[in-house]
Amino acid sequence: MPIKSKAASSEHLYVGIKGHILGIRKYDGTVAWSTKLRRGSSFVPIIQEGDRLYAASGGEVSCLDSATGTVLWHNQLKGFGMGYAALAGGGFPFSAAALEAQAAAAAAGAAAAAS
């Protein structure tokens, strides 16, 4: 049964293989969830950013919920063929979640200094 809490998504290791994305539990190696992408290929690069995973497979890109593996959106990249795709744009410390947390911490610090 998949873990549904977004906070629990950090407990997973993500594997892209043969047109699938798997959420593997870090503490015991069991499969929490498995999602078959619409068009499979043997090479499936993945980026995690916050509670989302971005994966490329078979010349298409999908966005999944990292806690459950649910596909949130899919883009067929029509007109670009079926070759291997590389992903970029996720990462640390510049993810949207990290920037929001930084802004909240700065605002809290400013509020504390003003009082």
PDB file of N, CA and C in Angstrom:
ATOM      1  N   MET A   1       0.839  -1.178   0.000  1.00  0.00           N
ATOM      2  CA  MET A   1       0.000   0.000   0.000  1.00  0.00           C
ATOM      3  C   MET A   1       0.885   1.242   0.000  1.00  0.00           C
ATOM      4  N   PRO A   2       0.655   2.203  -0.932  1.00  0.00           N
ATOM      5  CA  PRO A   2       1.513   3.373  -1.012  1.00  0.00           C
ATOM      6  C   PRO A   2       1.365   4.281   0.200  1.00  0.00           C
ATOM      7  N   ILE A   3       2.459   4.924   0.562  1.00  0.00           N
ATOM      8  CA  ILE A   3       2.419   5.940   1.611  1.00  0.00           C
ATOM      9  C   ILE A   3       1.816   7.181   0.997  1.00  0.00           C
ATOM     10  N   LYS A   4       0.821   7.778   1.639  1.00  0.00           N
ATOM     11  CA  LYS A   4       0.113   8.906   1.051  1.00  0.00           C
ATOM     12  C   LYS A   4       0.571  10.243   1.587  1.00  0.00           C
ATOM     13  N   SER A   5       1.315  10.277   2.659  1.00  0.00           N
ATOM     14  CA  SER A   5       1.778  11.525   3.241  1.00  0.00           C
ATOM     15  C   SER A   5       2.904  12.117   2.408  1.00  0.00           C
ATOM     16  N   LYS A   6       2.793  13.411   2.059  1.00  0.00           N
ATOM     17  CA  LYS A   6       3.849  14.063   1.310  1.00  0.00           C
ATOM     18  C   LYS A   6       5.109  14.163   2.156  1.00  0.00           C
ATOM     19  N   ALA A   7       4.973  14.281   3.466  1.00  0.00           N
ATOM     20  CA  ALA A   7       6.142  14.342   4.340  1.00  0.00           C
ATOM     21  C   ALA A   7       6.920  13.034   4.291  1.00  0.00           C
ATOM     22  N   ALA A   8       6.229  11.934   4.049  1.00  0.00           N
ATOM     23  CA  ALA A   8       6.881  10.623   4.029  1.00  0.00           C
ATOM     24  C   ALA A   8       7.656  10.384   2.739  1.00  0.00           C
ATOM     25  N   SER A   9       7.489  11.247   1.718  1.00  0.00           N
ATOM     26  CA  SER A   9       8.146  11.015   0.440  1.00  0.00           C
ATOM     27  C   SER A   9       9.667  11.014   0.563  1.00  0.00           C
ATOM     28  N   SER A  10      10.230  11.672   1.568  1.00  0.00           N
ATOM     29  CA  SER A  10      11.680  11.660   1.740  1.00  0.00           C
ATOM     30  C   SER A  10      12.172  10.294   2.208  1.00  0.00           C
ATOM     31  N   GLU A  11      11.280   9.413   2.586  1.00  0.00           N
ATOM     32  CA  GLU A  11      11.637   8.058   2.993  1.00  0.00           C
ATOM     33  C   GLU A  11      11.856   7.145   1.794  1.00  0.00           C
ATOM     34  N   HIS A  12      11.665   7.668   0.587  1.00  0.00           N
ATOM     35  CA  HIS A  12      11.770   6.857  -0.617  1.00  0.00           C
ATOM     36  C   HIS A  12      13.029   7.150  -1.413  1.00  0.00           C
ATOM     37  N   LEU A  13      13.503   6.126  -2.073  1.00  0.00           N
ATOM     38  CA  LEU A  13      14.508   6.215  -3.112  1.00  0.00           C
ATOM     39  C   LEU A  13      13.744   5.960  -4.404  1.00  0.00           C
ATOM     40  N   TYR A  14      14.040   6.703  -5.457  1.00  0.00           N
ATOM     41  CA  TYR A  14      13.287   6.562  -6.696  1.00  0.00           C
ATOM     42  C   TYR A  14      14.153   5.916  -7.772  1.00  0.00           C
ATOM     43  N   VAL A  15      13.579   4.943  -8.476  1.00  0.00           N
ATOM     44  CA  VAL A  15      14.280   4.213  -9.512  1.00  0.00           C
ATOM     45  C   VAL A  15      13.479   4.312 -10.805  1.00  0.00           C
ATOM     46  N   GLY A  16      14.159   4.676 -11.888  1.00  0.00           N
ATOM     47  CA  GLY A  16      13.544   4.679 -13.206  1.00  0.00           C
ATOM     48  C   GLY A  16      14.127   3.536 -14.007  1.00  0.00           C
ATOM     49  N   ILE A  17      13.283   2.606 -14.440  1.00  0.00           N
ATOM     50  CA  ILE A  17      13.772   1.430 -15.163  1.00  0.00           C
ATOM     51  C   ILE A  17      12.682   0.877 -16.086  1.00  0.00           C
ATOM     52  N   LYS A  18      13.051   0.594 -17.312  1.00  0.00           N
ATOM     53  CA  LYS A  18      12.160  -0.035 -18.298  1.00  0.00           C
ATOM     54  C   LYS A  18      10.762   0.582 -18.332  1.00  0.00           C
ATOM     55  N   GLY A  19      10.690   1.914 -18.424  1.00  0.00           N
ATOM     56  CA  GLY A  19       9.410   2.588 -18.557  1.00  0.00           C
ATOM     57  C   GLY A  19       8.597   2.671 -17.278  1.00  0.00           C
ATOM     58  N   HIS A  20       9.213   2.413 -16.134  1.00  0.00           N
ATOM     59  CA  HIS A  20       8.534   2.472 -14.847  1.00  0.00           C
ATOM     60  C   HIS A  20       9.293   3.396 -13.896  1.00  0.00           C
ATOM     61  N   ILE A  21       8.583   3.966 -12.947  1.00  0.00           N
ATOM     62  CA  ILE A  21       9.184   4.664 -11.812  1.00  0.00           C
ATOM     63  C   ILE A  21       8.752   3.890 -10.577  1.00  0.00           C
ATOM     64  N   LEU A  22       9.716   3.572  -9.719  1.00  0.00           N
ATOM     65  CA  LEU A  22       9.413   2.863  -8.472  1.00  0.00           C
ATOM     66  C   LEU A  22       9.784   3.729  -7.290  1.00  0.00           C
ATOM     67  N   GLY A  23       8.941   3.734  -6.276  1.00  0.00           N
ATOM     68  CA  GLY A  23       9.247   4.348  -4.986  1.00  0.00           C
ATOM     69  C   GLY A  23       9.677   3.229  -4.057  1.00  0.00           C
ATOM     70  N   ILE A  24      10.961   3.216  -3.687  1.00  0.00           N
ATOM     71  CA  ILE A  24      11.524   2.167  -2.838  1.00  0.00           C
ATOM     72  C   ILE A  24      11.703   2.737  -1.429  1.00  0.00           C
ATOM     73  N   ARG A  25      11.216   2.016  -0.422  1.00  0.00           N
ATOM     74  CA  ARG A  25      11.398   2.463   0.965  1.00  0.00           C
ATOM     75  C   ARG A  25      12.869   2.338   1.346  1.00  0.00           C
ATOM     76  N   LYS A  26      13.462   3.453   1.796  1.00  0.00           N
ATOM     77  CA  LYS A  26      14.887   3.469   2.141  1.00  0.00           C
ATOM     78  C   LYS A  26      15.211   2.565   3.319  1.00  0.00           C
ATOM     79  N   TYR A  27      14.286   2.441   4.263  1.00  0.00           N
ATOM     80  CA  TYR A  27      14.613   1.700   5.491  1.00  0.00           C
ATOM     81  C   TYR A  27      14.621   0.195   5.320  1.00  0.00           C
ATOM     82  N   ASP A  28      13.928  -0.348   4.299  1.00  0.00           N
ATOM     83  CA  ASP A  28      13.954  -1.805   4.148  1.00  0.00           C
ATOM     84  C   ASP A  28      14.029  -2.284   2.692  1.00  0.00           C
ATOM     85  N   GLY A  29      14.034  -1.367   1.736  1.00  0.00           N
ATOM     86  CA  GLY A  29      14.195  -1.746   0.334  1.00  0.00           C
ATOM     87  C   GLY A  29      12.952  -2.283  -0.345  1.00  0.00           C
ATOM     88  N   THR A  30      11.804  -2.263   0.329  1.00  0.00           N
ATOM     89  CA  THR A  30      10.583  -2.768  -0.299  1.00  0.00           C
ATOM     90  C   THR A  30       9.991  -1.715  -1.243  1.00  0.00           C
ATOM     91  N   VAL A  31       9.226  -2.173  -2.210  1.00  0.00           N
ATOM     92  CA  VAL A  31       8.586  -1.279  -3.165  1.00  0.00           C
ATOM     93  C   VAL A  31       7.315  -0.712  -2.539  1.00  0.00           C
ATOM     94  N   ALA A  32       7.279   0.611  -2.374  1.00  0.00           N
ATOM     95  CA  ALA A  32       6.098   1.289  -1.840  1.00  0.00           C
ATOM     96  C   ALA A  32       5.052   1.471  -2.936  1.00  0.00           C
ATOM     97  N   TRP A  33       5.512   1.800  -4.145  1.00  0.00           N
ATOM     98  CA  TRP A  33       4.611   1.959  -5.292  1.00  0.00           C
ATOM     99  C   TRP A  33       5.412   1.804  -6.587  1.00  0.00           C
ATOM    100  N   SER A  34       4.706   1.491  -7.665  1.00  0.00           N
ATOM    101  CA  SER A  34       5.298   1.376  -8.985  1.00  0.00           C
ATOM    102  C   SER A  34       4.327   1.986  -9.988  1.00  0.00           C
ATOM    103  N   THR A  35       4.842   2.841 -10.861  1.00  0.00           N
ATOM    104  CA  THR A  35       4.003   3.473 -11.882  1.00  0.00           C
ATOM    105  C   THR A  35       4.582   3.192 -13.258  1.00  0.00           C
ATOM    106  N   LYS A  36       3.754   2.643 -14.147  1.00  0.00           N
ATOM    107  CA  LYS A  36       4.153   2.410 -15.540  1.00  0.00           C
ATOM    108  C   LYS A  36       3.867   3.695 -16.313  1.00  0.00           C
ATOM    109  N   LEU A  37       4.899   4.224 -16.968  1.00  0.00           N
ATOM    110  CA  LEU A  37       4.734   5.431 -17.754  1.00  0.00           C
ATOM    111  C   LEU A  37       4.056   5.096 -19.082  1.00  0.00           C
ATOM    112  N   ARG A  38       3.463   6.100 -19.717  1.00  0.00           N
ATOM    113  CA  ARG A  38       2.690   5.849 -20.936  1.00  0.00           C
ATOM    114  C   ARG A  38       3.522   5.253 -22.057  1.00  0.00           C
ATOM    115  N   ARG A  39       4.742   5.720 -22.209  1.00  0.00           N
ATOM    116  CA  ARG A  39       5.617   5.185 -23.251  1.00  0.00           C
ATOM    117  C   ARG A  39       6.934   4.826 -22.576  1.00  0.00           C
ATOM    118  N   GLY A  40       7.267   3.571 -22.610  1.00  0.00           N
ATOM    119  CA  GLY A  40       8.439   3.109 -21.886  1.00  0.00           C
ATOM    120  C   GLY A  40       9.704   3.085 -22.706  1.00  0.00           C
ATOM    121  N   SER A  41      10.819   3.207 -22.007  1.00  0.00           N
ATOM    122  CA  SER A  41      12.139   2.986 -22.582  1.00  0.00           C
ATOM    123  C   SER A  41      13.031   2.459 -21.465  1.00  0.00           C
ATOM    124  N   SER A  42      14.171   1.909 -21.828  1.00  0.00           N
ATOM    125  CA  SER A  42      15.032   1.327 -20.802  1.00  0.00           C
ATOM    126  C   SER A  42      15.688   2.395 -19.940  1.00  0.00           C
ATOM    127  N   PHE A  43      15.947   3.573 -20.480  1.00  0.00           N
ATOM    128  CA  PHE A  43      16.588   4.659 -19.754  1.00  0.00           C
ATOM    129  C   PHE A  43      15.528   5.655 -19.298  1.00  0.00           C
ATOM    130  N   VAL A  44      15.361   5.842 -17.981  1.00  0.00           N
ATOM    131  CA  VAL A  44      14.333   6.726 -17.439  1.00  0.00           C
ATOM    132  C   VAL A  44      14.966   7.692 -16.431  1.00  0.00           C
ATOM    133  N   PRO A  45      15.444   8.870 -16.905  1.00  0.00           N
ATOM    134  CA  PRO A  45      15.991   9.831 -15.958  1.00  0.00           C
ATOM    135  C   PRO A  45      14.878  10.444 -15.097  1.00  0.00           C
ATOM    136  N   ILE A  46      15.229  10.780 -13.856  1.00  0.00           N
ATOM    137  CA  ILE A  46      14.256  11.317 -12.893  1.00  0.00           C
ATOM    138  C   ILE A  46      14.875  12.519 -12.187  1.00  0.00           C
ATOM    139  N   ILE A  47      14.050  13.532 -11.920  1.00  0.00           N
ATOM    140  CA  ILE A  47      14.411  14.648 -11.046  1.00  0.00           C
ATOM    141  C   ILE A  47      13.353  14.717  -9.955  1.00  0.00           C
ATOM    142  N   GLN A  48      13.780  14.871  -8.707  1.00  0.00           N
ATOM    143  CA  GLN A  48      12.830  15.115  -7.614  1.00  0.00           C
ATOM    144  C   GLN A  48      12.949  16.571  -7.215  1.00  0.00           C
ATOM    145  N   GLU A  49      11.807  17.227  -7.081  1.00  0.00           N
ATOM    146  CA  GLU A  49      11.753  18.592  -6.589  1.00  0.00           C
ATOM    147  C   GLU A  49      10.568  18.685  -5.647  1.00  0.00           C
ATOM    148  N   GLY A  50      10.849  18.782  -4.364  1.00  0.00           N
ATOM    149  CA  GLY A  50       9.778  18.820  -3.378  1.00  0.00           C
ATOM    150  C   GLY A  50       8.984  17.532  -3.407  1.00  0.00           C
ATOM    151  N   ASP A  51       7.679  17.650  -3.564  1.00  0.00           N
ATOM    152  CA  ASP A  51       6.813  16.471  -3.559  1.00  0.00           C
ATOM    153  C   ASP A  51       6.505  15.966  -4.972  1.00  0.00           C
ATOM    154  N   ARG A  52       7.300  16.374  -5.944  1.00  0.00           N
ATOM    155  CA  ARG A  52       7.078  15.953  -7.328  1.00  0.00           C
ATOM    156  C   ARG A  52       8.301  15.280  -7.920  1.00  0.00           C
ATOM    157  N   LEU A  53       8.037  14.328  -8.813  1.00  0.00           N
ATOM    158  CA  LEU A  53       9.078  13.682  -9.592  1.00  0.00           C
ATOM    159  C   LEU A  53       8.813  14.011 -11.055  1.00  0.00           C
ATOM    160  N   TYR A  54       9.869  14.301 -11.787  1.00  0.00           N
ATOM    161  CA  TYR A  54       9.766  14.541 -13.216  1.00  0.00           C
ATOM    162  C   TYR A  54      10.578  13.449 -13.897  1.00  0.00           C
ATOM    163  N   ALA A  55       9.972  12.768 -14.860  1.00  0.00           N
ATOM    164  CA  ALA A  55      10.619  11.625 -15.502  1.00  0.00           C
ATOM    165  C   ALA A  55      10.454  11.714 -17.013  1.00  0.00           C
ATOM    166  N   ALA A  56      11.499  11.270 -17.723  1.00  0.00           N
ATOM    167  CA  ALA A  56      11.449  11.215 -19.183  1.00  0.00           C
ATOM    168  C   ALA A  56      11.565   9.760 -19.611  1.00  0.00           C
ATOM    169  N   SER A  57      10.698   9.345 -20.536  1.00  0.00           N
ATOM    170  CA  SER A  57      10.730   7.974 -21.024  1.00  0.00           C
ATOM    171  C   SER A  57      10.080   7.917 -22.400  1.00  0.00           C
ATOM    172  N   GLY A  58      10.755   7.269 -23.353  1.00  0.00           N
ATOM    173  CA  GLY A  58      10.173   7.107 -24.684  1.00  0.00           C
ATOM    174  C   GLY A  58       9.889   8.416 -25.385  1.00  0.00           C
ATOM    175  N   GLY A  59      10.687   9.460 -25.113  1.00  0.00           N
ATOM    176  CA  GLY A  59      10.484  10.753 -25.756  1.00  0.00           C
ATOM    177  C   GLY A  59       9.357  11.563 -25.157  1.00  0.00           C
ATOM    178  N   GLU A  60       8.873  11.201 -23.977  1.00  0.00           N
ATOM    179  CA  GLU A  60       7.795  11.919 -23.303  1.00  0.00           C
ATOM    180  C   GLU A  60       8.228  12.289 -21.888  1.00  0.00           C
ATOM    181  N   VAL A  61       7.553  13.271 -21.292  1.00  0.00           N
ATOM    182  CA  VAL A  61       7.854  13.711 -19.924  1.00  0.00           C
ATOM    183  C   VAL A  61       6.596  13.586 -19.081  1.00  0.00           C
ATOM    184  N   SER A  62       6.766  13.085 -17.853  1.00  0.00           N
ATOM    185  CA  SER A  62       5.651  12.949 -16.919  1.00  0.00           C
ATOM    186  C   SER A  62       6.032  13.566 -15.581  1.00  0.00           C
ATOM    187  N   CYS A  63       5.034  14.022 -14.857  1.00  0.00           N
ATOM    188  CA  CYS A  63       5.200  14.539 -13.505  1.00  0.00           C
ATOM    189  C   CYS A  63       4.384  13.644 -12.575  1.00  0.00           C
ATOM    190  N   LEU A  64       5.030  13.146 -11.509  1.00  0.00           N
ATOM    191  CA  LEU A  64       4.371  12.230 -10.570  1.00  0.00           C
ATOM    192  C   LEU A  64       4.422  12.782  -9.154  1.00  0.00           C
ATOM    193  N   ASP A  65       3.450  12.419  -8.352  1.00  0.00           N
ATOM    194  CA  ASP A  65       3.475  12.689  -6.918  1.00  0.00           C
ATOM    195  C   ASP A  65       4.509  11.743  -6.305  1.00  0.00           C
ATOM    196  N   SER A  66       5.469  12.282  -5.563  1.00  0.00           N
ATOM    197  CA  SER A  66       6.562  11.444  -5.056  1.00  0.00           C
ATOM    198  C   SER A  66       6.144  10.506  -3.929  1.00  0.00           C
ATOM    199  N   ALA A  67       5.037  10.783  -3.254  1.00  0.00           N
ATOM    200  CA  ALA A  67       4.587   9.912  -2.168  1.00  0.00           C
ATOM    201  C   ALA A  67       3.770   8.723  -2.667  1.00  0.00           C
ATOM    202  N   THR A  68       3.037   8.916  -3.779  1.00  0.00           N
ATOM    203  CA  THR A  68       2.107   7.876  -4.224  1.00  0.00           C
ATOM    204  C   THR A  68       2.396   7.320  -5.620  1.00  0.00           C
ATOM    205  N   GLY A  69       3.180   8.046  -6.429  1.00  0.00           N
ATOM    206  CA  GLY A  69       3.422   7.627  -7.801  1.00  0.00           C
ATOM    207  C   GLY A  69       2.309   8.003  -8.757  1.00  0.00           C
ATOM    208  N   THR A  70       1.323   8.746  -8.301  1.00  0.00           N
ATOM    209  CA  THR A  70       0.224   9.179  -9.152  1.00  0.00           C
ATOM    210  C   THR A  70       0.736  10.151 -10.215  1.00  0.00           C
ATOM    211  N   VAL A  71       0.362   9.917 -11.480  1.00  0.00           N
ATOM    212  CA  VAL A  71       0.754  10.820 -12.560  1.00  0.00           C
ATOM    213  C   VAL A  71      -0.089  12.087 -12.452  1.00  0.00           C
ATOM    214  N   LEU A  72       0.589  13.242 -12.312  1.00  0.00           N
ATOM    215  CA  LEU A  72      -0.098  14.528 -12.181  1.00  0.00           C
ATOM    216  C   LEU A  72      -0.292  15.199 -13.532  1.00  0.00           C
ATOM    217  N   TRP A  73       0.681  15.038 -14.416  1.00  0.00           N
ATOM    218  CA  TRP A  73       0.542  15.514 -15.796  1.00  0.00           C
ATOM    219  C   TRP A  73       1.518  14.765 -16.690  1.00  0.00           C
ATOM    220  N   HIS A  74       1.254  14.886 -17.997  1.00  0.00           N
ATOM    221  CA  HIS A  74       2.029  14.151 -18.993  1.00  0.00           C
ATOM    222  C   HIS A  74       2.144  15.015 -20.244  1.00  0.00           C
ATOM    223  N   ASN A  75       3.331  15.067 -20.861  1.00  0.00           N
ATOM    224  CA  ASN A  75       3.527  15.824 -22.092  1.00  0.00           C
ATOM    225  C   ASN A  75       4.188  14.895 -23.117  1.00  0.00           C
ATOM    226  N   GLN A  76       3.548  14.718 -24.249  1.00  0.00           N
ATOM    227  CA  GLN A  76       4.053  13.810 -25.280  1.00  0.00           C
ATOM    228  C   GLN A  76       5.217  14.395 -26.081  1.00  0.00           C
ATOM    229  N   LEU A  77       5.534  15.667 -25.909  1.00  0.00           N
ATOM    230  CA  LEU A  77       6.619  16.328 -26.649  1.00  0.00           C
ATOM    231  C   LEU A  77       6.509  16.043 -28.144  1.00  0.00           C
ATOM    232  N   LYS A  78       5.304  16.236 -28.669  1.00  0.00           N
ATOM    233  CA  LYS A  78       5.030  15.938 -30.084  1.00  0.00           C
ATOM    234  C   LYS A  78       6.004  16.664 -31.001  1.00  0.00           C
ATOM    235  N   GLY A  79       6.498  15.912 -31.976  1.00  0.00           N
ATOM    236  CA  GLY A  79       7.394  16.463 -32.974  1.00  0.00           C
ATOM    237  C   GLY A  79       8.873  16.357 -32.631  1.00  0.00           C
ATOM    238  N   PHE A  80       9.211  15.785 -31.465  1.00  0.00           N
ATOM    239  CA  PHE A  80      10.610  15.684 -31.059  1.00  0.00           C
ATOM    240  C   PHE A  80      11.164  14.263 -31.117  1.00  0.00           C
ATOM    241  N   GLY A  81      10.369  13.306 -31.535  1.00  0.00           N
ATOM    242  CA  GLY A  81      10.850  11.938 -31.671  1.00  0.00           C
ATOM    243  C   GLY A  81      10.863  11.171 -30.362  1.00  0.00           C
ATOM    244  N   MET A  82      11.498   9.983 -30.406  1.00  0.00           N
ATOM    245  CA  MET A  82      11.479   9.094 -29.248  1.00  0.00           C
ATOM    246  C   MET A  82      12.859   8.861 -28.652  1.00  0.00           C
ATOM    247  N   GLY A  83      13.822   9.702 -28.941  1.00  0.00           N
ATOM    248  CA  GLY A  83      15.176   9.503 -28.435  1.00  0.00           C
ATOM    249  C   GLY A  83      15.268   9.703 -26.932  1.00  0.00           C
ATOM    250  N   TYR A  84      16.477   9.474 -26.410  1.00  0.00           N
ATOM    251  CA  TYR A  84      16.725   9.691 -24.991  1.00  0.00           C
ATOM    252  C   TYR A  84      16.543  11.161 -24.669  1.00  0.00           C
ATOM    253  N   ALA A  85      16.053  11.433 -23.481  1.00  0.00           N
ATOM    254  CA  ALA A  85      15.856  12.809 -23.038  1.00  0.00           C
ATOM    255  C   ALA A  85      16.607  13.022 -21.726  1.00  0.00           C
ATOM    256  N   ALA A  86      17.152  14.202 -21.557  1.00  0.00           N
ATOM    257  CA  ALA A  86      17.804  14.577 -20.312  1.00  0.00           C
ATOM    258  C   ALA A  86      16.933  15.613 -19.624  1.00  0.00           C
ATOM    259  N   LEU A  87      16.907  15.592 -18.309  1.00  0.00           N
ATOM    260  CA  LEU A  87      16.122  16.539 -17.533  1.00  0.00           C
ATOM    261  C   LEU A  87      17.054  17.461 -16.761  1.00  0.00           C
ATOM    262  N   ALA A  88      16.614  18.700 -16.534  1.00  0.00           N
ATOM    263  CA  ALA A  88      17.341  19.658 -15.702  1.00  0.00           C
ATOM    264  C   ALA A  88      16.315  20.583 -15.072  1.00  0.00           C
ATOM    265  N   GLY A  89      16.692  21.256 -14.025  1.00  0.00           N
ATOM    266  CA  GLY A  89      15.782  22.237 -13.446  1.00  0.00           C
ATOM    267  C   GLY A  89      15.437  21.962 -12.008  1.00  0.00           C
ATOM    268  N   GLY A  90      15.555  20.751 -11.553  1.00  0.00           N
ATOM    269  CA  GLY A  90      15.313  20.455 -10.149  1.00  0.00           C
ATOM    270  C   GLY A  90      16.606  20.624  -9.389  1.00  0.00           C
ATOM    271  N   GLY A  91      16.518  20.528  -8.102  1.00  0.00           N
ATOM    272  CA  GLY A  91      17.769  20.507  -7.373  1.00  0.00           C
ATOM    273  C   GLY A  91      17.801  21.375  -6.153  1.00  0.00           C
ATOM    274  N   PHE A  92      18.954  21.412  -5.571  1.00  0.00           N
ATOM    275  CA  PHE A  92      19.146  22.028  -4.281  1.00  0.00           C
ATOM    276  C   PHE A  92      20.153  23.157  -4.414  1.00  0.00           C
ATOM    277  N   PRO A  93      20.068  24.244  -3.724  1.00  0.00           N
ATOM    278  CA  PRO A  93      18.980  24.634  -2.828  1.00  0.00           C
ATOM    279  C   PRO A  93      17.936  25.484  -3.514  1.00  0.00           C
ATOM    280  N   PHE A  94      17.858  25.400  -4.835  1.00  0.00           N
ATOM    281  CA  PHE A  94      17.038  26.328  -5.578  1.00  0.00           C
ATOM    282  C   PHE A  94      15.648  25.819  -5.927  1.00  0.00           C
ATOM    283  N   SER A  95      15.198  24.727  -5.313  1.00  0.00           N
ATOM    284  CA  SER A  95      13.856  24.232  -5.597  1.00  0.00           C
ATOM    285  C   SER A  95      12.830  25.208  -5.027  1.00  0.00           C
ATOM    286  N   ALA A  96      11.634  25.159  -5.533  1.00  0.00           N
ATOM    287  CA  ALA A  96      10.573  26.052  -5.080  1.00  0.00           C
ATOM    288  C   ALA A  96      10.333  25.903  -3.586  1.00  0.00           C
ATOM    289  N   ALA A  97      10.335  24.684  -3.084  1.00  0.00           N
ATOM    290  CA  ALA A  97      10.102  24.452  -1.660  1.00  0.00           C
ATOM    291  C   ALA A  97      11.215  25.072  -0.817  1.00  0.00           C
ATOM    292  N   ALA A  98      12.472  24.948  -1.269  1.00  0.00           N
ATOM    293  CA  ALA A  98      13.596  25.524  -0.529  1.00  0.00           C
ATOM    294  C   ALA A  98      13.517  27.046  -0.526  1.00  0.00           C
ATOM    295  N   LEU A  99      13.165  27.633  -1.660  1.00  0.00           N
ATOM    296  CA  LEU A  99      13.042  29.089  -1.727  1.00  0.00           C
ATOM    297  C   LEU A  99      11.914  29.599  -0.843  1.00  0.00           C
ATOM    298  N   GLU A 100      10.781  28.881  -0.816  1.00  0.00           N
ATOM    299  CA  GLU A 100       9.671  29.270   0.055  1.00  0.00           C
ATOM    300  C   GLU A 100      10.067  29.180   1.518  1.00  0.00           C
ATOM    301  N   ALA A 101      10.767  28.127   1.894  1.00  0.00           N
ATOM    302  CA  ALA A 101      11.204  27.968   3.283  1.00  0.00           C
ATOM    303  C   ALA A 101      12.186  29.063   3.663  1.00  0.00           C
ATOM    304  N   GLN A 102      13.084  29.424   2.749  1.00  0.00           N
ATOM    305  CA  GLN A 102      14.041  30.501   2.997  1.00  0.00           C
ATOM    306  C   GLN A 102      13.309  31.820   3.201  1.00  0.00           C
ATOM    307  N   ALA A 103      12.322  32.109   2.371  1.00  0.00           N
ATOM    308  CA  ALA A 103      11.559  33.350   2.482  1.00  0.00           C
ATOM    309  C   ALA A 103      10.775  33.394   3.789  1.00  0.00           C
ATOM    310  N   ALA A 104      10.184  32.284   4.198  1.00  0.00           N
ATOM    311  CA  ALA A 104       9.429  32.224   5.450  1.00  0.00           C
ATOM    312  C   ALA A 104      10.345  32.444   6.649  1.00  0.00           C
ATOM    313  N   ALA A 105      11.544  31.840   6.609  1.00  0.00           N
ATOM    314  CA  ALA A 105      12.500  32.019   7.702  1.00  0.00           C
ATOM    315  C   ALA A 105      12.962  33.471   7.786  1.00  0.00           C
ATOM    316  N   ALA A 106      13.197  34.095   6.635  1.00  0.00           N
ATOM    317  CA  ALA A 106      13.616  35.492   6.625  1.00  0.00           C
ATOM    318  C   ALA A 106      12.510  36.388   7.164  1.00  0.00           C
ATOM    319  N   ALA A 107      11.267  36.128   6.774  1.00  0.00           N
ATOM    320  CA  ALA A 107      10.135  36.921   7.254  1.00  0.00           C
ATOM    321  C   ALA A 107       9.957  36.758   8.765  1.00  0.00           C
ATOM    322  N   ALA A 108      10.112  35.531   9.270  1.00  0.00           N
ATOM    323  CA  ALA A 108       9.989  35.290  10.707  1.00  0.00           C
ATOM    324  C   ALA A 108      11.103  36.002  11.463  1.00  0.00           C
ATOM    325  N   GLY A 109      12.313  35.978  10.914  1.00  0.00           N
ATOM    326  CA  GLY A 109      13.428  36.677  11.546  1.00  0.00           C
ATOM    327  C   GLY A 109      13.207  38.179  11.569  1.00  0.00           C
ATOM    328  N   ALA A 110      12.688  38.741  10.483  1.00  0.00           N
ATOM    329  CA  ALA A 110      12.417  40.167  10.414  1.00  0.00           C
ATOM    330  C   ALA A 110      11.319  40.539  11.396  1.00  0.00           C
ATOM    331  N   ALA A 111      10.291  39.714  11.513  1.00  0.00           N
ATOM    332  CA  ALA A 111       9.187  39.978  12.452  1.00  0.00           C
ATOM    333  C   ALA A 111       9.683  39.940  13.899  1.00  0.00           C
ATOM    334  N   ALA A 112      10.565  38.992  14.202  1.00  0.00           N
ATOM    335  CA  ALA A 112      11.104  38.871  15.553  1.00  0.00           C
ATOM    336  C   ALA A 112      11.993  40.073  15.890  1.00  0.00           C
ATOM    337  N   ALA A 113      12.755  40.545  14.921  1.00  0.00           N
ATOM    338  CA  ALA A 113      13.648  41.686  15.131  1.00  0.00           C
ATOM    339  C   ALA A 113      12.866  42.972  15.315  1.00  0.00           C
ATOM    340  N   ALA A 114      11.706  43.059  14.648  1.00  0.00           N
ATOM    341  CA  ALA A 114      10.883  44.272  14.744  1.00  0.00           C
ATOM    342  C   ALA A 114      10.126  44.380  16.055  1.00  0.00           C
ATOM    343  N   SER A 115       9.945  43.257  16.767  1.00  0.00           N
ATOM    344  CA  SER A 115       9.178  43.312  18.016  1.00  0.00           C
ATOM    345  C   SER A 115      10.017  43.448  19.233  1.00  0.00           C
TER     346      SER A 115
END
